[in-house]
Amino acid sequence: MIGWLQDQFVQQWLRTLGWAGAVALIVHVLGALGSSASRRASASAVAVALGFVAGHVTVAGVPAFPPERWQWSVWLTCASLLLLFLEEAKGGQATLRLVLQLALVAALAWYVLRPSSTARAWSLRQRNVAFYGGSFAALGFLLLAELRLPKGPPWRGVVAFTLAAAGAVAVFADVSDVLARTTAGLVAALGVCSLIAVVQRDVPLGRTVATTASIAFGSLLLYLWSARQLSDVGALLLFGSWASALVPLPRDLPWTSFALSALLSGAPAALAWWFRT
């Protein structure tokens, strides 16, 4: 029994959490060495993306190309980081960023949702409504997240994201140990970012982390839902937990706002676990 626990927990889960958290922490440390506030803010997006990739590598190795359907989460997360950072470096217009985000959402729908059994069972009209309506809704969420998160307290987004992803781990563990561990890597990376954001309250949260983290989380959530391994109610509650980061909270009551943020994200995640079947 002890040997089994050591193999299943210590060698697998802790290894994933350790690598993801360590990579995220190293990125933040490097970003804080003689860098400007903007670079330190951008370090959050890099930490989330590389921490998520590190956690995935401990679970399933480096994904081939083209990968399995659920492993598109890794490639799309990296693509979101590189493309959006390139746009920021070039100082492009807002329309260019909109086009890049639209391309990311379209890739998510095309490579994760379209090949699923759920999508194949839809009529042509249902597919059009799901693909176009869902894509524009996802695009609107990304735009709103990038607009709101940098204006709030630096911990606001990443704390809510961390709790939502932690709830997803508990839900995913019932259907797939691999996906649960992969999501746990995202939790570790976001958890490190949350701690850094709480400590460094003078450093605003960069906007790119909102899209990068949402692509990572959303792709895994979309995969499990479209594979019919996650109920509609569970998927909606987990998305609501993640989207709670956009709810405005009073800035003049920091600890009350922190508690409300944890409640707004933690309650739907807990309900998703309760209604997971």
C-alpha atoms as a PDB file:
ATOM      1  CA  MET A   1       0.000   0.000   0.000  1.00  0.00           C
ATOM      2  CA  ILE A   2       2.780   2.418   0.933  1.00  0.00           C
ATOM      3  CA  GLY A   3       4.629   1.550  -2.249  1.00  0.00           C
ATOM      4  CA  TRP A   4       1.540   2.207  -4.333  1.00  0.00           C
ATOM      5  CA  LEU A   5       1.000   5.607  -2.706  1.00  0.00           C
ATOM      6  CA  GLN A   6       4.637   6.510  -3.293  1.00  0.00           C
ATOM      7  CA  ASP A   7       4.392   5.550  -6.947  1.00  0.00           C
ATOM      8  CA  GLN A   8       1.047   7.214  -7.623  1.00  0.00           C
ATOM      9  CA  PHE A   9       1.422  10.370  -5.558  1.00  0.00           C
ATOM     10  CA  VAL A  10       5.066  11.157  -4.898  1.00  0.00           C
ATOM     11  CA  GLN A  11       6.542  10.055  -8.206  1.00  0.00           C
ATOM     12  CA  GLN A  12       3.716  11.333 -10.404  1.00  0.00           C
ATOM     13  CA  TRP A  13       1.627  14.123  -8.919  1.00  0.00           C
ATOM     14  CA  LEU A  14       4.358  15.775  -6.870  1.00  0.00           C
ATOM     15  CA  ARG A  15       6.780  15.559  -9.786  1.00  0.00           C
ATOM     16  CA  THR A  16       4.299  17.364 -12.021  1.00  0.00           C
ATOM     17  CA  LEU A  17       3.511  20.003  -9.409  1.00  0.00           C
ATOM     18  CA  GLY A  18       7.184  20.446  -8.559  1.00  0.00           C
ATOM     19  CA  TRP A  19       8.398  20.925 -12.116  1.00  0.00           C
ATOM     20  CA  ALA A  20       5.555  23.252 -13.093  1.00  0.00           C
ATOM     21  CA  GLY A  21       5.921  25.359  -9.953  1.00  0.00           C
ATOM     22  CA  ALA A  22       9.722  25.471 -10.154  1.00  0.00           C
ATOM     23  CA  VAL A  23       9.721  26.601 -13.782  1.00  0.00           C
ATOM     24  CA  ALA A  24       7.144  29.304 -13.028  1.00  0.00           C
ATOM     25  CA  LEU A  25       9.176  30.522 -10.043  1.00  0.00           C
ATOM     26  CA  ILE A  26      12.422  30.620 -12.027  1.00  0.00           C
ATOM     27  CA  VAL A  27      10.757  32.692 -14.741  1.00  0.00           C
ATOM     28  CA  HIS A  28       9.505  35.181 -12.163  1.00  0.00           C
ATOM     29  CA  VAL A  29      12.948  35.423 -10.522  1.00  0.00           C
ATOM     30  CA  LEU A  30      14.617  36.050 -13.867  1.00  0.00           C
ATOM     31  CA  GLY A  31      11.947  38.588 -14.765  1.00  0.00           C
ATOM     32  CA  ALA A  32      12.587  40.517 -11.542  1.00  0.00           C
ATOM     33  CA  LEU A  33      16.355  40.882 -12.077  1.00  0.00           C
ATOM     34  CA  GLY A  34      16.935  44.430 -13.225  1.00  0.00           C
ATOM     35  CA  SER A  35      13.806  44.529 -15.328  1.00  0.00           C
ATOM     36  CA  SER A  36      11.181  47.192 -15.798  1.00  0.00           C
ATOM     37  CA  ALA A  37       7.690  46.901 -14.355  1.00  0.00           C
ATOM     38  CA  SER A  38       6.309  45.969 -17.769  1.00  0.00           C
ATOM     39  CA  ARG A  39       8.754  43.084 -18.134  1.00  0.00           C
ATOM     40  CA  ARG A  40       7.990  41.882 -14.628  1.00  0.00           C
ATOM     41  CA  ALA A  41       4.301  41.998 -15.466  1.00  0.00           C
ATOM     42  CA  SER A  42       4.897  40.032 -18.665  1.00  0.00           C
ATOM     43  CA  ALA A  43       6.765  37.379 -16.687  1.00  0.00           C
ATOM     44  CA  SER A  44       3.415  36.079 -15.409  1.00  0.00           C
ATOM     45  CA  ALA A  45       2.338  35.023 -18.904  1.00  0.00           C
ATOM     46  CA  VAL A  46       5.685  33.333 -19.575  1.00  0.00           C
ATOM     47  CA  ALA A  47       5.587  31.603 -16.189  1.00  0.00           C
ATOM     48  CA  VAL A  48       2.089  30.236 -16.767  1.00  0.00           C
ATOM     49  CA  ALA A  49       2.868  28.990 -20.269  1.00  0.00           C
ATOM     50  CA  LEU A  50       6.238  27.385 -19.483  1.00  0.00           C
ATOM     51  CA  GLY A  51       4.997  25.981 -16.173  1.00  0.00           C
ATOM     52  CA  PHE A  52       2.045  24.407 -17.956  1.00  0.00           C
ATOM     53  CA  VAL A  53       4.351  22.936 -20.612  1.00  0.00           C
ATOM     54  CA  ALA A  54       6.732  21.598 -17.945  1.00  0.00           C
ATOM     55  CA  GLY A  55       3.858  19.908 -16.147  1.00  0.00           C
ATOM     56  CA  HIS A  56       2.621  18.366 -19.398  1.00  0.00           C
ATOM     57  CA  VAL A  57       6.073  17.003 -20.211  1.00  0.00           C
ATOM     58  CA  THR A  58       6.191  15.162 -16.876  1.00  0.00           C
ATOM     59  CA  VAL A  59       2.810  13.615 -17.684  1.00  0.00           C
ATOM     60  CA  ALA A  60       2.937  12.736 -21.384  1.00  0.00           C
ATOM     61  CA  GLY A  61       6.278  13.945 -22.697  1.00  0.00           C
ATOM     62  CA  VAL A  62       6.745  16.425 -25.524  1.00  0.00           C
ATOM     63  CA  PRO A  63       3.684  16.148 -27.806  1.00  0.00           C
ATOM     64  CA  ALA A  64       4.311  15.241 -31.418  1.00  0.00           C
ATOM     65  CA  PHE A  65       2.965  17.388 -34.219  1.00  0.00           C
ATOM     66  CA  PRO A  66       0.161  16.935 -35.006  1.00  0.00           C
ATOM     67  CA  PRO A  67      -0.561  15.847 -31.436  1.00  0.00           C
ATOM     68  CA  GLU A  68      -3.461  14.013 -29.898  1.00  0.00           C
ATOM     69  CA  ARG A  69      -6.562  16.159 -29.703  1.00  0.00           C
ATOM     70  CA  TRP A  70      -6.216  17.069 -26.019  1.00  0.00           C
ATOM     71  CA  GLN A  71      -2.533  17.904 -26.465  1.00  0.00           C
ATOM     72  CA  TRP A  72      -3.372  20.813 -28.716  1.00  0.00           C
ATOM     73  CA  SER A  73      -3.672  22.676 -25.401  1.00  0.00           C
ATOM     74  CA  VAL A  74       0.126  22.797 -25.156  1.00  0.00           C
ATOM     75  CA  TRP A  75       0.736  24.038 -28.697  1.00  0.00           C
ATOM     76  CA  LEU A  76      -2.043  26.613 -28.563  1.00  0.00           C
ATOM     77  CA  THR A  77      -0.823  27.919 -25.200  1.00  0.00           C
ATOM     78  CA  CYS A  78       2.686  28.390 -26.568  1.00  0.00           C
ATOM     79  CA  ALA A  79       1.300  29.978 -29.726  1.00  0.00           C
ATOM     80  CA  SER A  80      -0.775  32.441 -27.714  1.00  0.00           C
ATOM     81  CA  LEU A  81       2.292  33.495 -25.742  1.00  0.00           C
ATOM     82  CA  LEU A  82       4.568  33.915 -28.747  1.00  0.00           C
ATOM     83  CA  LEU A  83       2.065  35.603 -31.045  1.00  0.00           C
ATOM     84  CA  LEU A  84       0.771  38.076 -28.483  1.00  0.00           C
ATOM     85  CA  PHE A  85       4.256  38.949 -27.225  1.00  0.00           C
ATOM     86  CA  LEU A  86       5.359  39.489 -30.822  1.00  0.00           C
ATOM     87  CA  GLU A  87       2.428  41.838 -31.319  1.00  0.00           C
ATOM     88  CA  GLU A  88       3.357  43.749 -28.161  1.00  0.00           C
ATOM     89  CA  ALA A  89       7.006  44.028 -29.209  1.00  0.00           C
ATOM     90  CA  LYS A  90       6.050  45.369 -32.618  1.00  0.00           C
ATOM     91  CA  GLY A  91       3.627  47.843 -31.097  1.00  0.00           C
ATOM     92  CA  GLY A  92       0.873  46.744 -33.426  1.00  0.00           C
ATOM     93  CA  GLN A  93      -2.599  48.152 -33.685  1.00  0.00           C
ATOM     94  CA  ALA A  94      -5.471  46.779 -31.613  1.00  0.00           C
ATOM     95  CA  THR A  95      -6.905  45.188 -34.755  1.00  0.00           C
ATOM     96  CA  LEU A  96      -3.839  42.963 -35.089  1.00  0.00           C
ATOM     97  CA  ARG A  97      -4.279  41.625 -31.576  1.00  0.00           C
ATOM     98  CA  LEU A  98      -7.944  40.978 -32.336  1.00  0.00           C
ATOM     99  CA  VAL A  99      -6.957  38.990 -35.423  1.00  0.00           C
ATOM    100  CA  LEU A 100      -4.418  36.943 -33.435  1.00  0.00           C
ATOM    101  CA  GLN A 101      -6.953  36.141 -30.729  1.00  0.00           C
ATOM    102  CA  LEU A 102      -9.531  35.213 -33.346  1.00  0.00           C
ATOM    103  CA  ALA A 103      -6.994  32.855 -34.938  1.00  0.00           C
ATOM    104  CA  LEU A 104      -6.334  31.205 -31.569  1.00  0.00           C
ATOM    105  CA  VAL A 105     -10.038  30.712 -30.894  1.00  0.00           C
ATOM    106  CA  ALA A 106     -10.583  29.366 -34.418  1.00  0.00           C
ATOM    107  CA  ALA A 107      -7.740  26.880 -33.954  1.00  0.00           C
ATOM    108  CA  LEU A 108      -9.277  25.801 -30.663  1.00  0.00           C
ATOM    109  CA  ALA A 109     -12.617  25.131 -32.325  1.00  0.00           C
ATOM    110  CA  TRP A 110     -11.082  23.470 -35.399  1.00  0.00           C
ATOM    111  CA  TYR A 111      -8.574  21.143 -33.737  1.00  0.00           C
ATOM    112  CA  VAL A 112     -10.248  20.412 -30.386  1.00  0.00           C
ATOM    113  CA  LEU A 113     -13.997  20.684 -30.906  1.00  0.00           C
ATOM    114  CA  ARG A 114     -14.535  19.827 -34.598  1.00  0.00           C
ATOM    115  CA  PRO A 115     -13.111  16.240 -34.510  1.00  0.00           C
ATOM    116  CA  SER A 116     -15.096  15.323 -31.381  1.00  0.00           C
ATOM    117  CA  SER A 117     -17.969  12.857 -31.228  1.00  0.00           C
ATOM    118  CA  THR A 118     -20.192  15.608 -29.870  1.00  0.00           C
ATOM    119  CA  ALA A 119     -19.621  17.862 -32.885  1.00  0.00           C
ATOM    120  CA  ARG A 120     -20.100  15.000 -35.334  1.00  0.00           C
ATOM    121  CA  ALA A 121     -23.519  14.293 -33.820  1.00  0.00           C
ATOM    122  CA  TRP A 122     -24.716  17.851 -34.447  1.00  0.00           C
ATOM    123  CA  SER A 123     -26.750  18.934 -37.451  1.00  0.00           C
ATOM    124  CA  LEU A 124     -25.240  21.467 -39.861  1.00  0.00           C
ATOM    125  CA  ARG A 125     -27.199  24.271 -38.222  1.00  0.00           C
ATOM    126  CA  GLN A 126     -26.097  23.237 -34.741  1.00  0.00           C
ATOM    127  CA  ARG A 127     -22.473  23.098 -35.863  1.00  0.00           C
ATOM    128  CA  ASN A 128     -22.641  26.567 -37.363  1.00  0.00           C
ATOM    129  CA  VAL A 129     -24.236  28.003 -34.234  1.00  0.00           C
ATOM    130  CA  ALA A 130     -21.699  26.277 -31.985  1.00  0.00           C
ATOM    131  CA  PHE A 131     -18.625  27.139 -34.046  1.00  0.00           C
ATOM    132  CA  TYR A 132     -19.452  30.733 -34.934  1.00  0.00           C
ATOM    133  CA  GLY A 133     -21.454  31.666 -31.864  1.00  0.00           C
ATOM    134  CA  GLY A 134     -19.063  29.926 -29.486  1.00  0.00           C
ATOM    135  CA  SER A 135     -16.005  31.382 -31.188  1.00  0.00           C
ATOM    136  CA  PHE A 136     -17.255  34.950 -30.978  1.00  0.00           C
ATOM    137  CA  ALA A 137     -18.298  34.434 -27.350  1.00  0.00           C
ATOM    138  CA  ALA A 138     -14.811  33.105 -26.527  1.00  0.00           C
ATOM    139  CA  LEU A 139     -13.220  36.011 -28.383  1.00  0.00           C
ATOM    140  CA  GLY A 140     -15.346  38.465 -26.419  1.00  0.00           C
ATOM    141  CA  PHE A 141     -14.282  36.832 -23.169  1.00  0.00           C
ATOM    142  CA  LEU A 142     -10.576  37.097 -24.065  1.00  0.00           C
ATOM    143  CA  LEU A 143     -10.925  40.755 -25.042  1.00  0.00           C
ATOM    144  CA  LEU A 144     -12.808  41.584 -21.839  1.00  0.00           C
ATOM    145  CA  ALA A 145     -10.304  39.658 -19.715  1.00  0.00           C
ATOM    146  CA  GLU A 146      -7.347  41.507 -21.238  1.00  0.00           C
ATOM    147  CA  LEU A 147      -9.148  44.799 -20.679  1.00  0.00           C
ATOM    148  CA  ARG A 148     -10.225  44.264 -17.064  1.00  0.00           C
ATOM    149  CA  LEU A 149      -7.488  42.217 -15.413  1.00  0.00           C
ATOM    150  CA  PRO A 150      -4.609  44.723 -15.745  1.00  0.00           C
ATOM    151  CA  LYS A 151      -6.837  47.436 -14.229  1.00  0.00           C
ATOM    152  CA  GLY A 152      -7.594  45.482 -11.052  1.00  0.00           C
ATOM    153  CA  PRO A 153      -5.358  44.345  -8.188  1.00  0.00           C
ATOM    154  CA  PRO A 154      -2.474  42.209  -9.553  1.00  0.00           C
ATOM    155  CA  TRP A 155      -3.673  39.113  -7.692  1.00  0.00           C
ATOM    156  CA  ARG A 156      -7.287  39.381  -8.879  1.00  0.00           C
ATOM    157  CA  GLY A 157      -7.100  37.321 -12.041  1.00  0.00           C
ATOM    158  CA  VAL A 158      -4.520  34.717 -11.113  1.00  0.00           C
ATOM    159  CA  VAL A 159      -6.109  33.879  -7.751  1.00  0.00           C
ATOM    160  CA  ALA A 160      -9.474  33.228  -9.405  1.00  0.00           C
ATOM    161  CA  PHE A 161      -7.792  31.269 -12.195  1.00  0.00           C
ATOM    162  CA  THR A 162      -5.861  29.158  -9.687  1.00  0.00           C
ATOM    163  CA  LEU A 163      -8.966  28.169  -7.726  1.00  0.00           C
ATOM    164  CA  ALA A 164     -10.927  27.429 -10.904  1.00  0.00           C
ATOM    165  CA  ALA A 165      -8.140  25.208 -12.215  1.00  0.00           C
ATOM    166  CA  ALA A 166      -7.849  23.467  -8.842  1.00  0.00           C
ATOM    167  CA  GLY A 167     -11.558  22.675  -8.967  1.00  0.00           C
ATOM    168  CA  ALA A 168     -11.079  21.329 -12.480  1.00  0.00           C
ATOM    169  CA  VAL A 169      -8.360  18.969 -11.234  1.00  0.00           C
ATOM    170  CA  ALA A 170     -10.805  17.436  -8.743  1.00  0.00           C
ATOM    171  CA  VAL A 171     -13.435  17.043 -11.471  1.00  0.00           C
ATOM    172  CA  PHE A 172     -11.049  15.735 -14.132  1.00  0.00           C
ATOM    173  CA  ALA A 173      -9.553  13.170 -11.731  1.00  0.00           C
ATOM    174  CA  ASP A 174     -12.758  11.135 -11.968  1.00  0.00           C
ATOM    175  CA  VAL A 175     -12.372  10.609 -15.711  1.00  0.00           C
ATOM    176  CA  SER A 176      -8.678  10.954 -16.581  1.00  0.00           C
ATOM    177  CA  ASP A 177      -5.602  10.868 -14.389  1.00  0.00           C
ATOM    178  CA  VAL A 178      -3.511  12.219 -17.271  1.00  0.00           C
ATOM    179  CA  LEU A 179      -5.705  15.281 -17.819  1.00  0.00           C
ATOM    180  CA  ALA A 180      -6.019  15.865 -14.081  1.00  0.00           C
ATOM    181  CA  ARG A 181      -2.232  15.855 -13.642  1.00  0.00           C
ATOM    182  CA  THR A 182      -1.778  18.111 -16.665  1.00  0.00           C
ATOM    183  CA  THR A 183      -4.256  20.580 -15.194  1.00  0.00           C
ATOM    184  CA  ALA A 184      -2.462  20.288 -11.840  1.00  0.00           C
ATOM    185  CA  GLY A 185       0.652  21.605 -13.584  1.00  0.00           C
ATOM    186  CA  LEU A 186      -1.353  24.653 -14.629  1.00  0.00           C
ATOM    187  CA  VAL A 187      -2.541  25.049 -11.024  1.00  0.00           C
ATOM    188  CA  ALA A 188       1.057  25.001  -9.767  1.00  0.00           C
ATOM    189  CA  ALA A 189       2.149  27.636 -12.290  1.00  0.00           C
ATOM    190  CA  LEU A 190      -0.837  29.849 -11.515  1.00  0.00           C
ATOM    191  CA  GLY A 191      -0.322  29.325  -7.794  1.00  0.00           C
ATOM    192  CA  VAL A 192       3.227  30.665  -8.018  1.00  0.00           C
ATOM    193  CA  CYS A 193       1.962  33.658 -10.000  1.00  0.00           C
ATOM    194  CA  SER A 194      -0.716  34.247  -7.358  1.00  0.00           C
ATOM    195  CA  LEU A 195       1.844  34.334  -4.560  1.00  0.00           C
ATOM    196  CA  ILE A 196       4.083  36.689  -6.519  1.00  0.00           C
ATOM    197  CA  ALA A 197       1.117  38.956  -7.295  1.00  0.00           C
ATOM    198  CA  VAL A 198       0.087  39.114  -3.629  1.00  0.00           C
ATOM    199  CA  VAL A 199       3.644  40.061  -2.610  1.00  0.00           C
ATOM    200  CA  GLN A 200       4.352  42.458  -5.486  1.00  0.00           C
ATOM    201  CA  ARG A 201       1.246  44.591  -5.300  1.00  0.00           C
ATOM    202  CA  ASP A 202       2.968  47.447  -7.102  1.00  0.00           C
ATOM    203  CA  VAL A 203       3.422  45.396 -10.285  1.00  0.00           C
ATOM    204  CA  PRO A 204       0.265  45.270 -12.429  1.00  0.00           C
ATOM    205  CA  LEU A 205      -0.750  42.020 -14.058  1.00  0.00           C
ATOM    206  CA  GLY A 206       0.079  41.914 -17.757  1.00  0.00           C
ATOM    207  CA  ARG A 207      -2.792  41.425 -20.196  1.00  0.00           C
ATOM    208  CA  THR A 208      -1.237  38.520 -22.097  1.00  0.00           C
ATOM    209  CA  VAL A 209      -1.503  36.163 -19.116  1.00  0.00           C
ATOM    210  CA  ALA A 210      -5.295  36.408 -19.334  1.00  0.00           C
ATOM    211  CA  THR A 211      -5.369  34.955 -22.854  1.00  0.00           C
ATOM    212  CA  THR A 212      -2.513  32.478 -22.376  1.00  0.00           C
ATOM    213  CA  ALA A 213      -3.967  30.967 -19.197  1.00  0.00           C
ATOM    214  CA  SER A 214      -7.503  30.942 -20.628  1.00  0.00           C
ATOM    215  CA  ILE A 215      -6.377  29.092 -23.766  1.00  0.00           C
ATOM    216  CA  ALA A 216      -4.648  26.436 -21.618  1.00  0.00           C
ATOM    217  CA  PHE A 217      -7.604  25.958 -19.298  1.00  0.00           C
ATOM    218  CA  GLY A 218     -10.286  26.356 -21.944  1.00  0.00           C
ATOM    219  CA  SER A 219      -8.759  23.827 -24.321  1.00  0.00           C
ATOM    220  CA  LEU A 220      -8.698  21.095 -21.673  1.00  0.00           C
ATOM    221  CA  LEU A 221     -12.221  21.957 -20.524  1.00  0.00           C
ATOM    222  CA  LEU A 222     -13.483  21.973 -24.110  1.00  0.00           C
ATOM    223  CA  TYR A 223     -11.847  18.635 -24.834  1.00  0.00           C
ATOM    224  CA  LEU A 224     -13.410  16.836 -21.885  1.00  0.00           C
ATOM    225  CA  TRP A 225     -16.842  18.338 -22.539  1.00  0.00           C
ATOM    226  CA  SER A 226     -16.755  17.526 -26.261  1.00  0.00           C
ATOM    227  CA  ALA A 227     -15.541  13.996 -25.476  1.00  0.00           C
ATOM    228  CA  ARG A 228     -18.679  13.579 -23.334  1.00  0.00           C
ATOM    229  CA  GLN A 229     -16.602  12.986 -20.223  1.00  0.00           C
ATOM    230  CA  LEU A 230     -17.874  16.126 -18.529  1.00  0.00           C
ATOM    231  CA  SER A 231     -21.511  17.137 -18.072  1.00  0.00           C
ATOM    232  CA  ASP A 232     -22.946  20.397 -19.394  1.00  0.00           C
ATOM    233  CA  VAL A 233     -23.555  21.594 -15.846  1.00  0.00           C
ATOM    234  CA  GLY A 234     -20.011  20.770 -14.754  1.00  0.00           C
ATOM    235  CA  ALA A 235     -18.499  22.519 -17.760  1.00  0.00           C
ATOM    236  CA  LEU A 236     -20.613  25.655 -17.227  1.00  0.00           C
ATOM    237  CA  LEU A 237     -19.767  25.805 -13.525  1.00  0.00           C
ATOM    238  CA  LEU A 238     -16.038  25.468 -14.174  1.00  0.00           C
ATOM    239  CA  PHE A 239     -16.205  28.147 -16.850  1.00  0.00           C
ATOM    240  CA  GLY A 240     -18.158  30.346 -14.446  1.00  0.00           C
ATOM    241  CA  SER A 241     -15.484  29.808 -11.820  1.00  0.00           C
ATOM    242  CA  TRP A 242     -12.798  30.887 -14.303  1.00  0.00           C
ATOM    243  CA  ALA A 243     -14.830  33.856 -15.583  1.00  0.00           C
ATOM    244  CA  SER A 244     -15.415  35.102 -12.022  1.00  0.00           C
ATOM    245  CA  ALA A 245     -12.102  36.937 -12.406  1.00  0.00           C
ATOM    246  CA  LEU A 246     -13.975  39.525 -14.470  1.00  0.00           C
ATOM    247  CA  VAL A 247     -16.454  40.439 -11.713  1.00  0.00           C
ATOM    248  CA  PRO A 248     -15.556  43.926 -10.393  1.00  0.00           C
ATOM    249  CA  LEU A 249     -14.666  44.114  -6.711  1.00  0.00           C
ATOM    250  CA  PRO A 250     -14.008  47.126  -4.427  1.00  0.00           C
ATOM    251  CA  ARG A 251     -10.353  48.175  -4.530  1.00  0.00           C
ATOM    252  CA  ASP A 252     -10.412  50.030  -1.186  1.00  0.00           C
ATOM    253  CA  LEU A 253     -11.091  46.823   0.773  1.00  0.00           C
ATOM    254  CA  PRO A 254      -8.166  44.588  -0.263  1.00  0.00           C
ATOM    255  CA  TRP A 255      -8.664  41.682   2.139  1.00  0.00           C
ATOM    256  CA  THR A 256     -12.441  41.717   1.718  1.00  0.00           C
ATOM    257  CA  SER A 257     -11.953  41.757  -2.040  1.00  0.00           C
ATOM    258  CA  PHE A 258      -9.521  38.873  -1.749  1.00  0.00           C
ATOM    259  CA  ALA A 259     -12.043  36.823   0.223  1.00  0.00           C
ATOM    260  CA  LEU A 260     -14.816  37.656  -2.255  1.00  0.00           C
ATOM    261  CA  SER A 261     -12.577  36.682  -5.155  1.00  0.00           C
ATOM    262  CA  ALA A 262     -11.877  33.319  -3.538  1.00  0.00           C
ATOM    263  CA  LEU A 263     -15.583  32.798  -2.871  1.00  0.00           C
ATOM    264  CA  LEU A 264     -16.685  33.766  -6.393  1.00  0.00           C
ATOM    265  CA  SER A 265     -14.264  31.341  -7.997  1.00  0.00           C
ATOM    266  CA  GLY A 266     -14.235  28.626  -5.347  1.00  0.00           C
ATOM    267  CA  ALA A 267     -18.010  28.165  -4.991  1.00  0.00           C
ATOM    268  CA  PRO A 268     -18.736  27.295  -8.656  1.00  0.00           C
ATOM    269  CA  ALA A 269     -15.685  25.022  -8.747  1.00  0.00           C
ATOM    270  CA  ALA A 270     -16.907  23.179  -5.649  1.00  0.00           C
ATOM    271  CA  LEU A 271     -20.382  22.849  -7.167  1.00  0.00           C
ATOM    272  CA  ALA A 272     -18.831  21.472 -10.360  1.00  0.00           C
ATOM    273  CA  TRP A 273     -17.212  18.735  -8.283  1.00  0.00           C
ATOM    274  CA  TRP A 274     -20.514  18.084  -6.500  1.00  0.00           C
ATOM    275  CA  PHE A 275     -22.388  17.749  -9.802  1.00  0.00           C
ATOM    276  CA  ARG A 276     -19.524  16.061 -11.651  1.00  0.00           C
ATOM    277  CA  THR A 277     -21.595  12.995 -12.527  1.00  0.00           C
END
